[in-house]
PDB file of N, CA and C in Angstrom:
ATOM      1  N   ARG A   1       4.388-145.702 133.791  1.00  0.00           N
ATOM      2  CA  ARG A   1       3.165-146.339 133.302  1.00  0.00           C
ATOM      3  C   ARG A   1       2.347-145.409 132.430  1.00  0.00           C
ATOM      4  N   THR A   2       2.914-144.313 132.031  1.00  0.00           N
ATOM      5  CA  THR A   2       2.169-143.383 131.184  1.00  0.00           C
ATOM      6  C   THR A   2       2.537-143.602 129.724  1.00  0.00           C
ATOM      7  N   THR A   3       1.646-143.183 128.853  1.00  0.00           N
ATOM      8  CA  THR A   3       1.906-143.244 127.423  1.00  0.00           C
ATOM      9  C   THR A   3       2.600-141.956 127.017  1.00  0.00           C
ATOM     10  N   VAL A   4       3.753-142.086 126.405  1.00  0.00           N
ATOM     11  CA  VAL A   4       4.516-140.922 125.981  1.00  0.00           C
ATOM     12  C   VAL A   4       4.492-140.859 124.464  1.00  0.00           C
ATOM     13  N   VAL A   5       4.011-139.740 123.930  1.00  0.00           N
ATOM     14  CA  VAL A   5       3.950-139.530 122.496  1.00  0.00           C
ATOM     15  C   VAL A   5       5.181-138.732 122.094  1.00  0.00           C
ATOM     16  N   ALA A   6       5.940-139.251 121.139  1.00  0.00           N
ATOM     17  CA  ALA A   6       7.181-138.606 120.736  1.00  0.00           C
ATOM     18  C   ALA A   6       7.248-138.502 119.215  1.00  0.00           C
ATOM     19  N   ASP A   7       8.274-137.832 118.736  1.00  0.00           N
ATOM     20  CA  ASP A   7       8.471-137.770 117.294  1.00  0.00           C
ATOM     21  C   ASP A   7       9.369-138.923 116.853  1.00  0.00           C
ATOM     22  N   GLY A   8       9.662-138.995 115.568  1.00  0.00           N
ATOM     23  CA  GLY A   8      10.411-140.113 115.014  1.00  0.00           C
ATOM     24  C   GLY A   8      11.841-140.212 115.484  1.00  0.00           C
ATOM     25  N   GLY A   9      12.353-139.213 116.183  1.00  0.00           N
ATOM     26  CA  GLY A   9      13.714-139.245 116.671  1.00  0.00           C
ATOM     27  C   GLY A   9      13.920-140.197 117.839  1.00  0.00           C
ATOM     28  N   TYR A  10      12.860-140.777 118.356  1.00  0.00           N
ATOM     29  CA  TYR A  10      12.949-141.650 119.525  1.00  0.00           C
ATOM     30  C   TYR A  10      12.676-143.107 119.173  1.00  0.00           C
ATOM     31  N   ARG A  11      13.076-143.528 117.992  1.00  0.00           N
ATOM     32  CA  ARG A  11      12.858-144.917 117.567  1.00  0.00           C
ATOM     33  C   ARG A  11      13.598-145.877 118.500  1.00  0.00           C
ATOM     34  N   GLY A  12      12.944-146.997 118.812  1.00  0.00           N
ATOM     35  CA  GLY A  12      13.558-148.031 119.620  1.00  0.00           C
ATOM     36  C   GLY A  12      13.535-147.774 121.115  1.00  0.00           C
ATOM     37  N   THR A  13      12.819-146.743 121.556  1.00  0.00           N
ATOM     38  CA  THR A  13      12.783-146.427 122.980  1.00  0.00           C
ATOM     39  C   THR A  13      11.506-146.898 123.669  1.00  0.00           C
ATOM     40  N   GLY A  14      10.555-147.413 122.908  1.00  0.00           N
ATOM     41  CA  GLY A  14       9.299-147.860 123.491  1.00  0.00           C
ATOM     42  C   GLY A  14       8.244-146.771 123.567  1.00  0.00           C
ATOM     43  N   LEU A  15       8.566-145.568 123.085  1.00  0.00           N
ATOM     44  CA  LEU A  15       7.599-144.482 123.076  1.00  0.00           C
ATOM     45  C   LEU A  15       6.689-144.611 121.857  1.00  0.00           C
ATOM     46  N   VAL A  16       5.550-143.929 121.888  1.00  0.00           N
ATOM     47  CA  VAL A  16       4.625-143.956 120.760  1.00  0.00           C
ATOM     48  C   VAL A  16       5.119-142.941 119.733  1.00  0.00           C
ATOM     49  N   ILE A  17       5.544-143.458 118.574  1.00  0.00           N
ATOM     50  CA  ILE A  17       6.046-142.590 117.510  1.00  0.00           C
ATOM     51  C   ILE A  17       5.253-142.856 116.239  1.00  0.00           C
ATOM     52  N   PRO A  18       5.326-141.955 115.257  1.00  0.00           N
ATOM     53  CA  PRO A  18       4.600-142.185 114.005  1.00  0.00           C
ATOM     54  C   PRO A  18       5.138-143.406 113.255  1.00  0.00           C
ATOM     55  N   HIS A  19       4.270-144.011 112.461  1.00  0.00           N
ATOM     56  CA  HIS A  19       4.672-145.146 111.626  1.00  0.00           C
ATOM     57  C   HIS A  19       5.486-144.627 110.448  1.00  0.00           C
ATOM     58  N   ARG A  20       6.453-145.414 110.041  1.00  0.00           N
ATOM     59  CA  ARG A  20       7.288-145.062 108.893  1.00  0.00           C
ATOM     60  C   ARG A  20       7.164-146.152 107.831  1.00  0.00           C
ATOM     61  N   ARG A  21       7.412-145.759 106.603  1.00  0.00           N
ATOM     62  CA  ARG A  21       7.409-146.744 105.525  1.00  0.00           C
ATOM     63  C   ARG A  21       8.658-147.618 105.617  1.00  0.00           C
ATOM     64  N   GLU A  22       8.514-148.862 105.252  1.00  0.00           N
ATOM     65  CA  GLU A  22       9.657-149.769 105.157  1.00  0.00           C
ATOM     66  C   GLU A  22      10.356-149.516 103.823  1.00  0.00           C
ATOM     67  N   ARG A  23      11.539-150.037 103.678  1.00  0.00           N
ATOM     68  CA  ARG A  23      12.240-149.915 102.400  1.00  0.00           C
ATOM     69  C   ARG A  23      11.395-150.509 101.283  1.00  0.00           C
ATOM     70  N   ARG A  24      11.414-149.848 100.181  1.00  0.00           N
ATOM     71  CA  ARG A  24      10.690-150.267  98.966  1.00  0.00           C
ATOM     72  C   ARG A  24       9.174-150.291  99.148  1.00  0.00           C
ATOM     73  N   GLN A  25       8.685-149.666 100.187  1.00  0.00           N
ATOM     74  CA  GLN A  25       7.244-149.567 100.401  1.00  0.00           C
ATOM     75  C   GLN A  25       6.830-148.168  99.966  1.00  0.00           C
ATOM     76  N   HIS A  26       5.891-148.076  99.034  1.00  0.00           N
ATOM     77  CA  HIS A  26       5.532-146.778  98.465  1.00  0.00           C
ATOM     78  C   HIS A  26       4.597-145.968  99.351  1.00  0.00           C
ATOM     79  N   GLU A  27       3.708-146.633 100.054  1.00  0.00           N
ATOM     80  CA  GLU A  27       2.814-145.912 100.956  1.00  0.00           C
ATOM     81  C   GLU A  27       2.429-146.792 102.132  1.00  0.00           C
ATOM     82  N   LEU A  28       1.950-146.135 103.181  1.00  0.00           N
ATOM     83  CA  LEU A  28       1.531-146.845 104.390  1.00  0.00           C
ATOM     84  C   LEU A  28       0.112-147.369 104.233  1.00  0.00           C
ATOM     85  N   PRO A  29      -0.236-148.438 104.948  1.00  0.00           N
ATOM     86  CA  PRO A  29      -1.636-148.877 104.972  1.00  0.00           C
ATOM     87  C   PRO A  29      -2.522-147.783 105.581  1.00  0.00           C
ATOM     88  N   ALA A  30      -3.790-147.836 105.273  1.00  0.00           N
ATOM     89  CA  ALA A  30      -4.728-146.791 105.707  1.00  0.00           C
ATOM     90  C   ALA A  30      -4.756-146.650 107.229  1.00  0.00           C
ATOM     91  N   TRP A  31      -4.706-147.755 107.956  1.00  0.00           N
ATOM     92  CA  TRP A  31      -4.791-147.666 109.428  1.00  0.00           C
ATOM     93  C   TRP A  31      -3.569-146.966 109.998  1.00  0.00           C
ATOM     94  N   LYS A  32      -2.403-147.152 109.373  1.00  0.00           N
ATOM     95  CA  LYS A  32      -1.209-146.464 109.847  1.00  0.00           C
ATOM     96  C   LYS A  32      -1.277-144.978 109.528  1.00  0.00           C
ATOM     97  N   GLU A  33      -1.836-144.635 108.377  1.00  0.00           N
ATOM     98  CA  GLU A  33      -2.013-143.224 108.026  1.00  0.00           C
ATOM     99  C   GLU A  33      -2.957-142.541 109.018  1.00  0.00           C
ATOM    100  N   GLU A  34      -4.036-143.240 109.391  1.00  0.00           N
ATOM    101  CA  GLU A  34      -4.986-142.681 110.362  1.00  0.00           C
ATOM    102  C   GLU A  34      -4.310-142.498 111.717  1.00  0.00           C
ATOM    103  N   HIS A  35      -3.504-143.466 112.121  1.00  0.00           N
ATOM    104  CA  HIS A  35      -2.792-143.356 113.396  1.00  0.00           C
ATOM    105  C   HIS A  35      -1.830-142.169 113.361  1.00  0.00           C
ATOM    106  N   ASN A  36      -1.120-141.993 112.261  1.00  0.00           N
ATOM    107  CA  ASN A  36      -0.199-140.870 112.126  1.00  0.00           C
ATOM    108  C   ASN A  36      -0.939-139.534 112.180  1.00  0.00           C
ATOM    109  N   ALA A  37      -2.142-139.483 111.586  1.00  0.00           N
ATOM    110  CA  ALA A  37      -2.922-138.245 111.609  1.00  0.00           C
ATOM    111  C   ALA A  37      -3.320-137.892 113.043  1.00  0.00           C
ATOM    112  N   SER A  38      -3.785-138.878 113.818  1.00  0.00           N
ATOM    113  CA  SER A  38      -4.155-138.596 115.207  1.00  0.00           C
ATOM    114  C   SER A  38      -2.915-138.249 116.025  1.00  0.00           C
ATOM    115  N   HIS A  39      -1.795-138.878 115.713  1.00  0.00           N
ATOM    116  CA  HIS A  39      -0.532-138.588 116.393  1.00  0.00           C
ATOM    117  C   HIS A  39      -0.134-137.124 116.162  1.00  0.00           C
ATOM    118  N   ARG A  40      -0.272-136.651 114.925  1.00  0.00           N
ATOM    119  CA  ARG A  40       0.052-135.251 114.603  1.00  0.00           C
ATOM    120  C   ARG A  40      -0.839-134.284 115.377  1.00  0.00           C
ATOM    121  N   GLN A  41      -2.121-134.612 115.492  1.00  0.00           N
ATOM    122  CA  GLN A  41      -3.041-133.727 116.205  1.00  0.00           C
ATOM    123  C   GLN A  41      -2.661-133.604 117.678  1.00  0.00           C
ATOM    124  N   VAL A  42      -2.349-134.719 118.304  1.00  0.00           N
ATOM    125  CA  VAL A  42      -1.967-134.696 119.721  1.00  0.00           C
ATOM    126  C   VAL A  42      -0.674-133.917 119.899  1.00  0.00           C
ATOM    127  N   ARG A  43       0.317-134.200 119.068  1.00  0.00           N
ATOM    128  CA  ARG A  43       1.601-133.507 119.176  1.00  0.00           C
ATOM    129  C   ARG A  43       1.452-132.013 118.943  1.00  0.00           C
ATOM    130  N   ALA A  44       0.569-131.625 118.031  1.00  0.00           N
ATOM    131  CA  ALA A  44       0.360-130.200 117.762  1.00  0.00           C
ATOM    132  C   ALA A  44      -0.194-129.504 119.004  1.00  0.00           C
ATOM    133  N   ARG A  45      -1.119-130.140 119.694  1.00  0.00           N
ATOM    134  CA  ARG A  45      -1.674-129.555 120.917  1.00  0.00           C
ATOM    135  C   ARG A  45      -0.596-129.365 121.974  1.00  0.00           C
ATOM    136  N   VAL A  46       0.250-130.367 122.128  1.00  0.00           N
ATOM    137  CA  VAL A  46       1.327-130.294 123.123  1.00  0.00           C
ATOM    138  C   VAL A  46       2.313-129.188 122.751  1.00  0.00           C
ATOM    139  N   GLU A  47       2.687-129.129 121.485  1.00  0.00           N
ATOM    140  CA  GLU A  47       3.633-128.102 121.046  1.00  0.00           C
ATOM    141  C   GLU A  47       3.056-126.699 121.218  1.00  0.00           C
ATOM    142  N   HIS A  48       1.747-126.545 120.981  1.00  0.00           N
ATOM    143  CA  HIS A  48       1.107-125.244 121.201  1.00  0.00           C
ATOM    144  C   HIS A  48       1.114-124.880 122.683  1.00  0.00           C
ATOM    145  N   ALA A  49       0.903-125.871 123.546  1.00  0.00           N
ATOM    146  CA  ALA A  49       0.950-125.609 124.994  1.00  0.00           C
ATOM    147  C   ALA A  49       2.343-125.153 125.409  1.00  0.00           C
ATOM    148  N   PHE A  50       3.385-125.811 124.885  1.00  0.00           N
ATOM    149  CA  PHE A  50       4.748-125.382 125.191  1.00  0.00           C
ATOM    150  C   PHE A  50       5.002-123.967 124.691  1.00  0.00           C
ATOM    151  N   ALA A  51       4.503-123.658 123.507  1.00  0.00           N
ATOM    152  CA  ALA A  51       4.696-122.312 122.961  1.00  0.00           C
ATOM    153  C   ALA A  51       4.019-121.267 123.842  1.00  0.00           C
ATOM    154  N   ARG A  52       2.825-121.582 124.340  1.00  0.00           N
ATOM    155  CA  ARG A  52       2.126-120.645 125.229  1.00  0.00           C
ATOM    156  C   ARG A  52       2.910-120.434 126.520  1.00  0.00           C
ATOM    157  N   MET A  53       3.437-121.525 127.070  1.00  0.00           N
ATOM    158  CA  MET A  53       4.216-121.395 128.307  1.00  0.00           C
ATOM    159  C   MET A  53       5.461-120.549 128.081  1.00  0.00           C
ATOM    160  N   LYS A  54       6.075-120.693 126.921  1.00  0.00           N
ATOM    161  CA  LYS A  54       7.248-119.876 126.625  1.00  0.00           C
ATOM    162  C   LYS A  54       6.839-118.412 126.464  1.00  0.00           C
ATOM    163  N   ALA A  55       5.728-118.170 125.801  1.00  0.00           N
ATOM    164  CA  ALA A  55       5.264-116.795 125.597  1.00  0.00           C
ATOM    165  C   ALA A  55       4.890-116.144 126.926  1.00  0.00           C
ATOM    166  N   TRP A  56       4.282-116.909 127.820  1.00  0.00           N
ATOM    167  CA  TRP A  56       3.871-116.374 129.115  1.00  0.00           C
ATOM    168  C   TRP A  56       5.007-116.399 130.128  1.00  0.00           C
ATOM    169  N   LYS A  57       6.144-116.991 129.747  1.00  0.00           N
ATOM    170  CA  LYS A  57       7.330-117.089 130.604  1.00  0.00           C
ATOM    171  C   LYS A  57       7.027-117.811 131.921  1.00  0.00           C
ATOM    172  N   ILE A  58       6.176-118.815 131.844  1.00  0.00           N
ATOM    173  CA  ILE A  58       5.771-119.565 133.032  1.00  0.00           C
ATOM    174  C   ILE A  58       6.931-120.366 133.600  1.00  0.00           C
ATOM    175  N   LEU A  59       7.716-120.968 132.733  1.00  0.00           N
ATOM    176  CA  LEU A  59       8.771-121.864 133.192  1.00  0.00           C
ATOM    177  C   LEU A  59      10.063-121.143 133.527  1.00  0.00           C
ATOM    178  N   ARG A  60      10.140-119.863 133.299  1.00  0.00           N
ATOM    179  CA  ARG A  60      11.389-119.122 133.479  1.00  0.00           C
ATOM    180  C   ARG A  60      11.920-119.230 134.904  1.00  0.00           C
ATOM    181  N   ASP A  61      11.079-119.068 135.902  1.00  0.00           N
ATOM    182  CA  ASP A  61      11.531-118.997 137.286  1.00  0.00           C
ATOM    183  C   ASP A  61      11.615-120.345 137.993  1.00  0.00           C
ATOM    184  N   CYS A  62      11.103-121.410 137.394  1.00  0.00           N
ATOM    185  CA  CYS A  62      11.066-122.668 138.138  1.00  0.00           C
ATOM    186  C   CYS A  62      11.884-123.770 137.484  1.00  0.00           C
ATOM    187  N   ARG A  63      12.605-123.505 136.430  1.00  0.00           N
ATOM    188  CA  ARG A  63      13.275-124.586 135.737  1.00  0.00           C
ATOM    189  C   ARG A  63      14.459-125.171 136.489  1.00  0.00           C
ATOM    190  N   LEU A  64      15.056-124.429 137.405  1.00  0.00           N
ATOM    191  CA  LEU A  64      16.213-124.927 138.134  1.00  0.00           C
ATOM    192  C   LEU A  64      15.897-125.288 139.584  1.00  0.00           C
ATOM    193  N   LYS A  65      14.638-125.284 139.958  1.00  0.00           N
ATOM    194  CA  LYS A  65      14.270-125.491 141.353  1.00  0.00           C
ATOM    195  C   LYS A  65      13.520-126.805 141.538  1.00  0.00           C
ATOM    196  N   GLY A  66      14.230-127.893 141.673  1.00  0.00           N
ATOM    197  CA  GLY A  66      13.630-129.183 142.006  1.00  0.00           C
ATOM    198  C   GLY A  66      12.470-129.580 141.126  1.00  0.00           C
ATOM    199  N   ASP A  67      11.299-129.748 141.739  1.00  0.00           N
ATOM    200  CA  ASP A  67      10.126-130.199 140.992  1.00  0.00           C
ATOM    201  C   ASP A  67       9.195-129.041 140.627  1.00  0.00           C
ATOM    202  N   GLY A  68       9.746-127.845 140.506  1.00  0.00           N
ATOM    203  CA  GLY A  68       8.943-126.683 140.144  1.00  0.00           C
ATOM    204  C   GLY A  68       8.290-126.804 138.782  1.00  0.00           C
ATOM    205  N   VAL A  69       9.001-127.393 137.824  1.00  0.00           N
ATOM    206  CA  VAL A  69       8.439-127.571 136.487  1.00  0.00           C
ATOM    207  C   VAL A  69       7.244-128.512 136.546  1.00  0.00           C
ATOM    208  N   TYR A  70       7.358-129.570 137.329  1.00  0.00           N
ATOM    209  CA  TYR A  70       6.245-130.520 137.461  1.00  0.00           C
ATOM    210  C   TYR A  70       4.999-129.810 137.983  1.00  0.00           C
ATOM    211  N   HIS A  71       5.155-129.006 139.027  1.00  0.00           N
ATOM    212  CA  HIS A  71       4.001-128.314 139.605  1.00  0.00           C
ATOM    213  C   HIS A  71       3.436-127.283 138.634  1.00  0.00           C
ATOM    214  N   ALA A  72       4.308-126.583 137.912  1.00  0.00           N
ATOM    215  CA  ALA A  72       3.835-125.619 136.928  1.00  0.00           C
ATOM    216  C   ALA A  72       3.041-126.324 135.831  1.00  0.00           C
ATOM    217  N   MET A  73       3.555-127.443 135.323  1.00  0.00           N
ATOM    218  CA  MET A  73       2.871-128.180 134.263  1.00  0.00           C
ATOM    219  C   MET A  73       1.542-128.740 134.747  1.00  0.00           C
ATOM    220  N   SER A  74       1.508-129.250 135.967  1.00  0.00           N
ATOM    221  CA  SER A  74       0.253-129.787 136.513  1.00  0.00           C
ATOM    222  C   SER A  74      -0.799-128.693 136.620  1.00  0.00           C
ATOM    223  N   GLY A  75      -0.384-127.527 137.108  1.00  0.00           N
ATOM    224  CA  GLY A  75      -1.323-126.411 137.217  1.00  0.00           C
ATOM    225  C   GLY A  75      -1.837-125.961 135.868  1.00  0.00           C
ATOM    226  N   ILE A  76      -0.958-125.894 134.901  1.00  0.00           N
ATOM    227  CA  ILE A  76      -1.358-125.476 133.555  1.00  0.00           C
ATOM    228  C   ILE A  76      -2.311-126.494 132.945  1.00  0.00           C
ATOM    229  N   ALA A  77      -2.009-127.781 133.119  1.00  0.00           N
ATOM    230  CA  ALA A  77      -2.878-128.822 132.577  1.00  0.00           C
ATOM    231  C   ALA A  77      -4.269-128.748 133.205  1.00  0.00           C
ATOM    232  N   ARG A  78      -4.326-128.502 134.501  1.00  0.00           N
ATOM    233  CA  ARG A  78      -5.639-128.400 135.167  1.00  0.00           C
ATOM    234  C   ARG A  78      -6.417-127.189 134.652  1.00  0.00           C
ATOM    235  N   LEU A  79      -5.736-126.065 134.516  1.00  0.00           N
ATOM    236  CA  LEU A  79      -6.415-124.875 133.995  1.00  0.00           C
ATOM    237  C   LEU A  79      -6.894-125.093 132.560  1.00  0.00           C
ATOM    238  N   HIS A  80      -6.067-125.737 131.772  1.00  0.00           N
ATOM    239  CA  HIS A  80      -6.461-126.018 130.390  1.00  0.00           C
ATOM    240  C   HIS A  80      -7.684-126.929 130.341  1.00  0.00           C
ATOM    241  N   ASN A  81      -7.693-127.967 131.173  1.00  0.00           N
ATOM    242  CA  ASN A  81      -8.843-128.877 131.212  1.00  0.00           C
ATOM    243  C   ASN A  81     -10.103-128.158 131.665  1.00  0.00           C
ATOM    244  N   LEU A  82      -9.959-127.208 132.581  1.00  0.00           N
ATOM    245  CA  LEU A  82     -11.124-126.429 133.006  1.00  0.00           C
ATOM    246  C   LEU A  82     -11.681-125.599 131.866  1.00  0.00           C
ATOM    247  N   THR A  83     -10.798-125.019 131.058  1.00  0.00           N
ATOM    248  CA  THR A  83     -11.282-124.205 129.937  1.00  0.00           C
ATOM    249  C   THR A  83     -11.965-125.074 128.888  1.00  0.00           C
ATOM    250  N   LEU A  84     -11.546-126.321 128.744  1.00  0.00           N
ATOM    251  CA  LEU A  84     -12.196-127.206 127.785  1.00  0.00           C
ATOM    252  C   LEU A  84     -13.600-127.584 128.238  1.00  0.00           C
ATOM    253  N   LYS A  85     -13.810-127.672 129.542  1.00  0.00           N
ATOM    254  CA  LYS A  85     -15.133-128.044 130.055  1.00  0.00           C
ATOM    255  C   LYS A  85     -16.118-126.883 130.007  1.00  0.00           C
ATOM    256  N   ALA A  86     -15.603-125.662 130.008  1.00  0.00           N
ATOM    257  CA  ALA A  86     -16.479-124.483 130.058  1.00  0.00           C
ATOM    258  C   ALA A  86     -17.159-124.236 128.730  1.00  0.00           C
TER     259      ALA A  86
END
């Protein structure tokens, strides 16, 4: 029941992906361009979070142990949200 934001490689899966031009369409309508811009911003934040986790080697020890990745991600998300409120 969650909204999953993905890149264009997941077409037809029901995930939220950027809008693409149809054949013979020169440009997207303004509302689709705005949606794509917000989509890029969200994806950039997520990709930066993954890069930080890789740099800090957070996921190194828990990737093969059951739901360790889930708990690591939940903890990181909570800490990140706390820093946004401060």
